[in-house]
Amino acid sequence: MAFIADTVFDNGLSYLDTNGVRLDITSTEATTYTEATSTLSLGNDTVNTGAPQAGAVDGRRVIVPAISAGAVTGTGTAGFYALTDNSAELLATGPLSATQGVTNGNTFSLDAISITIRAATAV
């Protein structure tokens, strides 16, 4: 069976923990920083992820805490999140647990998001 040490996972996740400071909700999944923070963004909030920890099933993860009052900056249906360094780099994206309609000028809330690197499996 393949093996990768937790420290290998943690180094990548530590980069997310240190640099992932802005979470945007987007209409479709972003592939660039500009899409995440401008073109597709429907709202955002400043976040502070937790330190790397054991994954819920396996592997390692960081948790983006729940958001209770993110600023909505566009009107549409948010279905994805984008975590960025708020200057140039898109760090992670994924689907929201459920889509939500948002209206410019309102606030949004999200449950905590787990960003996980799954454990290696035998090939």
C-alpha atoms as a PDB file:
ATOM      1  CA  MET A   1       0.000   0.000   0.000  1.00  0.00           C
ATOM      2  CA  ALA A   2       1.247   3.506  -0.803  1.00  0.00           C
ATOM      3  CA  PHE A   3       2.181   5.793   2.078  1.00  0.00           C
ATOM      4  CA  ILE A   4       2.607   9.558   2.335  1.00  0.00           C
ATOM      5  CA  ALA A   5       3.596  11.091   5.675  1.00  0.00           C
ATOM      6  CA  ASP A   6       1.267  13.589   7.355  1.00  0.00           C
ATOM      7  CA  THR A   7       4.019  16.227   7.160  1.00  0.00           C
ATOM      8  CA  VAL A   8       3.831  16.111   3.364  1.00  0.00           C
ATOM      9  CA  PHE A   9       0.102  16.810   3.445  1.00  0.00           C
ATOM     10  CA  ASP A  10       0.521  19.394   6.204  1.00  0.00           C
ATOM     11  CA  ASN A  11       3.038  21.454   4.248  1.00  0.00           C
ATOM     12  CA  GLY A  12       0.529  22.018   1.443  1.00  0.00           C
ATOM     13  CA  LEU A  13      -2.295  22.641   3.889  1.00  0.00           C
ATOM     14  CA  SER A  14      -0.119  24.998   5.950  1.00  0.00           C
ATOM     15  CA  TYR A  15       0.218  27.129   2.814  1.00  0.00           C
ATOM     16  CA  LEU A  16      -3.609  27.315   2.679  1.00  0.00           C
ATOM     17  CA  ASP A  17      -3.718  28.127   6.387  1.00  0.00           C
ATOM     18  CA  THR A  18      -1.175  30.938   6.061  1.00  0.00           C
ATOM     19  CA  ASN A  19      -2.267  32.410   2.723  1.00  0.00           C
ATOM     20  CA  GLY A  20      -5.993  31.620   2.383  1.00  0.00           C
ATOM     21  CA  VAL A  21      -7.508  34.845   3.681  1.00  0.00           C
ATOM     22  CA  ARG A  22     -10.452  35.599   1.372  1.00  0.00           C
ATOM     23  CA  LEU A  23     -13.384  33.336   0.582  1.00  0.00           C
ATOM     24  CA  ASP A  24     -15.659  34.244  -2.329  1.00  0.00           C
ATOM     25  CA  ILE A  25     -18.951  32.619  -3.252  1.00  0.00           C
ATOM     26  CA  THR A  26     -19.171  32.203  -7.008  1.00  0.00           C
ATOM     27  CA  SER A  27     -21.807  31.428  -9.604  1.00  0.00           C
ATOM     28  CA  THR A  28     -19.678  28.733 -11.277  1.00  0.00           C
ATOM     29  CA  GLU A  29     -16.367  27.171 -10.288  1.00  0.00           C
ATOM     30  CA  ALA A  30     -13.514  29.652 -10.723  1.00  0.00           C
ATOM     31  CA  THR A  31     -10.283  28.627 -12.448  1.00  0.00           C
ATOM     32  CA  THR A  32      -8.318  31.865 -11.984  1.00  0.00           C
ATOM     33  CA  TYR A  33      -7.851  34.516  -9.312  1.00  0.00           C
ATOM     34  CA  THR A  34      -9.695  37.101 -11.437  1.00  0.00           C
ATOM     35  CA  GLU A  35     -12.686  34.802 -11.906  1.00  0.00           C
ATOM     36  CA  ALA A  36     -12.744  34.019  -8.182  1.00  0.00           C
ATOM     37  CA  THR A  37     -12.600  37.602  -6.960  1.00  0.00           C
ATOM     38  CA  SER A  38     -14.260  39.542  -9.777  1.00  0.00           C
ATOM     39  CA  THR A  39     -15.823  37.897 -12.835  1.00  0.00           C
ATOM     40  CA  LEU A  40     -17.749  35.111 -11.049  1.00  0.00           C
ATOM     41  CA  SER A  41     -17.834  36.441  -7.482  1.00  0.00           C
ATOM     42  CA  LEU A  42     -21.194  37.100  -5.869  1.00  0.00           C
ATOM     43  CA  GLY A  43     -19.782  37.970  -2.440  1.00  0.00           C
ATOM     44  CA  ASN A  44     -16.850  37.519  -0.099  1.00  0.00           C
ATOM     45  CA  ASP A  45     -15.580  37.528   3.440  1.00  0.00           C
ATOM     46  CA  THR A  46     -12.227  37.526   5.207  1.00  0.00           C
ATOM     47  CA  VAL A  47     -11.423  34.106   6.684  1.00  0.00           C
ATOM     48  CA  ASN A  48      -8.823  32.494   8.897  1.00  0.00           C
ATOM     49  CA  THR A  49      -8.478  28.752   8.318  1.00  0.00           C
ATOM     50  CA  GLY A  50      -7.454  26.418  11.082  1.00  0.00           C
ATOM     51  CA  ALA A  51      -4.172  24.543  11.310  1.00  0.00           C
ATOM     52  CA  PRO A  52      -3.888  21.195   9.482  1.00  0.00           C
ATOM     53  CA  GLN A  53      -5.565  18.292  11.277  1.00  0.00           C
ATOM     54  CA  ALA A  54      -6.691  14.730  10.675  1.00  0.00           C
ATOM     55  CA  GLY A  55      -9.325  14.410   7.948  1.00  0.00           C
ATOM     56  CA  ALA A  56     -12.860  13.332   8.812  1.00  0.00           C
ATOM     57  CA  VAL A  57     -12.373   9.997   6.989  1.00  0.00           C
ATOM     58  CA  ASP A  58      -8.668   9.894   6.177  1.00  0.00           C
ATOM     59  CA  GLY A  59      -5.899  12.182   4.987  1.00  0.00           C
ATOM     60  CA  ARG A  60      -5.412  15.705   6.331  1.00  0.00           C
ATOM     61  CA  ARG A  61      -7.513  18.864   6.186  1.00  0.00           C
ATOM     62  CA  VAL A  62      -7.924  22.512   7.105  1.00  0.00           C
ATOM     63  CA  ILE A  63     -11.267  23.968   8.107  1.00  0.00           C
ATOM     64  CA  VAL A  64     -12.578  27.318   6.875  1.00  0.00           C
ATOM     65  CA  PRO A  65     -14.810  28.461   9.757  1.00  0.00           C
ATOM     66  CA  ALA A  66     -18.505  29.150   9.250  1.00  0.00           C
ATOM     67  CA  ILE A  67     -19.357  32.590   7.873  1.00  0.00           C
ATOM     68  CA  SER A  68     -22.314  34.454   9.326  1.00  0.00           C
ATOM     69  CA  ALA A  69     -22.199  37.869   7.653  1.00  0.00           C
ATOM     70  CA  GLY A  70     -20.318  37.786   4.354  1.00  0.00           C
ATOM     71  CA  ALA A  71     -20.872  40.743   2.025  1.00  0.00           C
ATOM     72  CA  VAL A  72     -22.958  40.015  -1.073  1.00  0.00           C
ATOM     73  CA  THR A  73     -21.643  42.035  -4.027  1.00  0.00           C
ATOM     74  CA  GLY A  74     -23.738  40.615  -6.866  1.00  0.00           C
ATOM     75  CA  THR A  75     -27.124  39.051  -7.537  1.00  0.00           C
ATOM     76  CA  GLY A  76     -27.402  35.431  -8.641  1.00  0.00           C
ATOM     77  CA  THR A  77     -27.095  31.850  -7.463  1.00  0.00           C
ATOM     78  CA  ALA A  78     -23.932  30.900  -5.580  1.00  0.00           C
ATOM     79  CA  GLY A  79     -22.901  27.281  -5.992  1.00  0.00           C
ATOM     80  CA  PHE A  80     -19.146  27.303  -5.329  1.00  0.00           C
ATOM     81  CA  TYR A  81     -16.513  28.754  -3.043  1.00  0.00           C
ATOM     82  CA  ALA A  82     -13.082  30.089  -3.964  1.00  0.00           C
ATOM     83  CA  LEU A  83     -10.305  30.572  -1.403  1.00  0.00           C
ATOM     84  CA  THR A  84      -7.624  33.091  -2.398  1.00  0.00           C
ATOM     85  CA  ASP A  85      -4.667  34.962  -0.958  1.00  0.00           C
ATOM     86  CA  ASN A  86      -6.517  38.241  -1.757  1.00  0.00           C
ATOM     87  CA  SER A  87      -3.721  39.467  -3.999  1.00  0.00           C
ATOM     88  CA  ALA A  88      -3.009  37.146  -6.940  1.00  0.00           C
ATOM     89  CA  GLU A  89      -3.504  33.443  -6.281  1.00  0.00           C
ATOM     90  CA  LEU A  90      -6.508  31.131  -6.369  1.00  0.00           C
ATOM     91  CA  LEU A  91      -5.726  28.477  -3.736  1.00  0.00           C
ATOM     92  CA  ALA A  92      -8.776  26.184  -3.625  1.00  0.00           C
ATOM     93  CA  THR A  93     -12.283  25.869  -5.019  1.00  0.00           C
ATOM     94  CA  GLY A  94     -15.174  23.510  -4.496  1.00  0.00           C
ATOM     95  CA  PRO A  95     -18.930  23.185  -4.486  1.00  0.00           C
ATOM     96  CA  LEU A  96     -21.053  24.585  -1.684  1.00  0.00           C
ATOM     97  CA  SER A  97     -23.124  22.017   0.218  1.00  0.00           C
ATOM     98  CA  ALA A  98     -26.222  23.682  -1.288  1.00  0.00           C
ATOM     99  CA  THR A  99     -26.730  26.497  -3.782  1.00  0.00           C
ATOM    100  CA  GLN A 100     -28.115  29.755  -2.473  1.00  0.00           C
ATOM    101  CA  GLY A 101     -29.713  32.725  -4.133  1.00  0.00           C
ATOM    102  CA  VAL A 102     -28.091  36.019  -3.127  1.00  0.00           C
ATOM    103  CA  THR A 103     -28.947  39.674  -3.723  1.00  0.00           C
ATOM    104  CA  ASN A 104     -26.434  42.506  -3.960  1.00  0.00           C
ATOM    105  CA  GLY A 105     -26.230  44.488  -0.716  1.00  0.00           C
ATOM    106  CA  ASN A 106     -27.351  41.637   1.545  1.00  0.00           C
ATOM    107  CA  THR A 107     -25.221  39.262   3.599  1.00  0.00           C
ATOM    108  CA  PHE A 108     -24.612  35.537   3.201  1.00  0.00           C
ATOM    109  CA  SER A 109     -23.802  32.735   5.604  1.00  0.00           C
ATOM    110  CA  LEU A 110     -22.016  29.431   5.060  1.00  0.00           C
ATOM    111  CA  ASP A 111     -21.329  26.365   7.160  1.00  0.00           C
ATOM    112  CA  ALA A 112     -17.684  25.541   7.838  1.00  0.00           C
ATOM    113  CA  ILE A 113     -15.830  24.143   4.808  1.00  0.00           C
ATOM    114  CA  SER A 114     -13.380  21.253   5.083  1.00  0.00           C
ATOM    115  CA  ILE A 115     -10.569  21.283   2.498  1.00  0.00           C
ATOM    116  CA  THR A 116      -9.119  17.776   2.547  1.00  0.00           C
ATOM    117  CA  ILE A 117      -6.183  16.008   0.940  1.00  0.00           C
ATOM    118  CA  ARG A 118      -7.213  12.360   0.979  1.00  0.00           C
ATOM    119  CA  ALA A 119      -4.818   9.630   2.074  1.00  0.00           C
ATOM    120  CA  ALA A 120      -2.908   7.668  -0.543  1.00  0.00           C
ATOM    121  CA  THR A 121      -4.376   4.373  -1.676  1.00  0.00           C
ATOM    122  CA  ALA A 122      -2.687   1.361  -3.187  1.00  0.00           C
ATOM    123  CA  VAL A 123      -2.432   1.362  -6.969  1.00  0.00           C
END
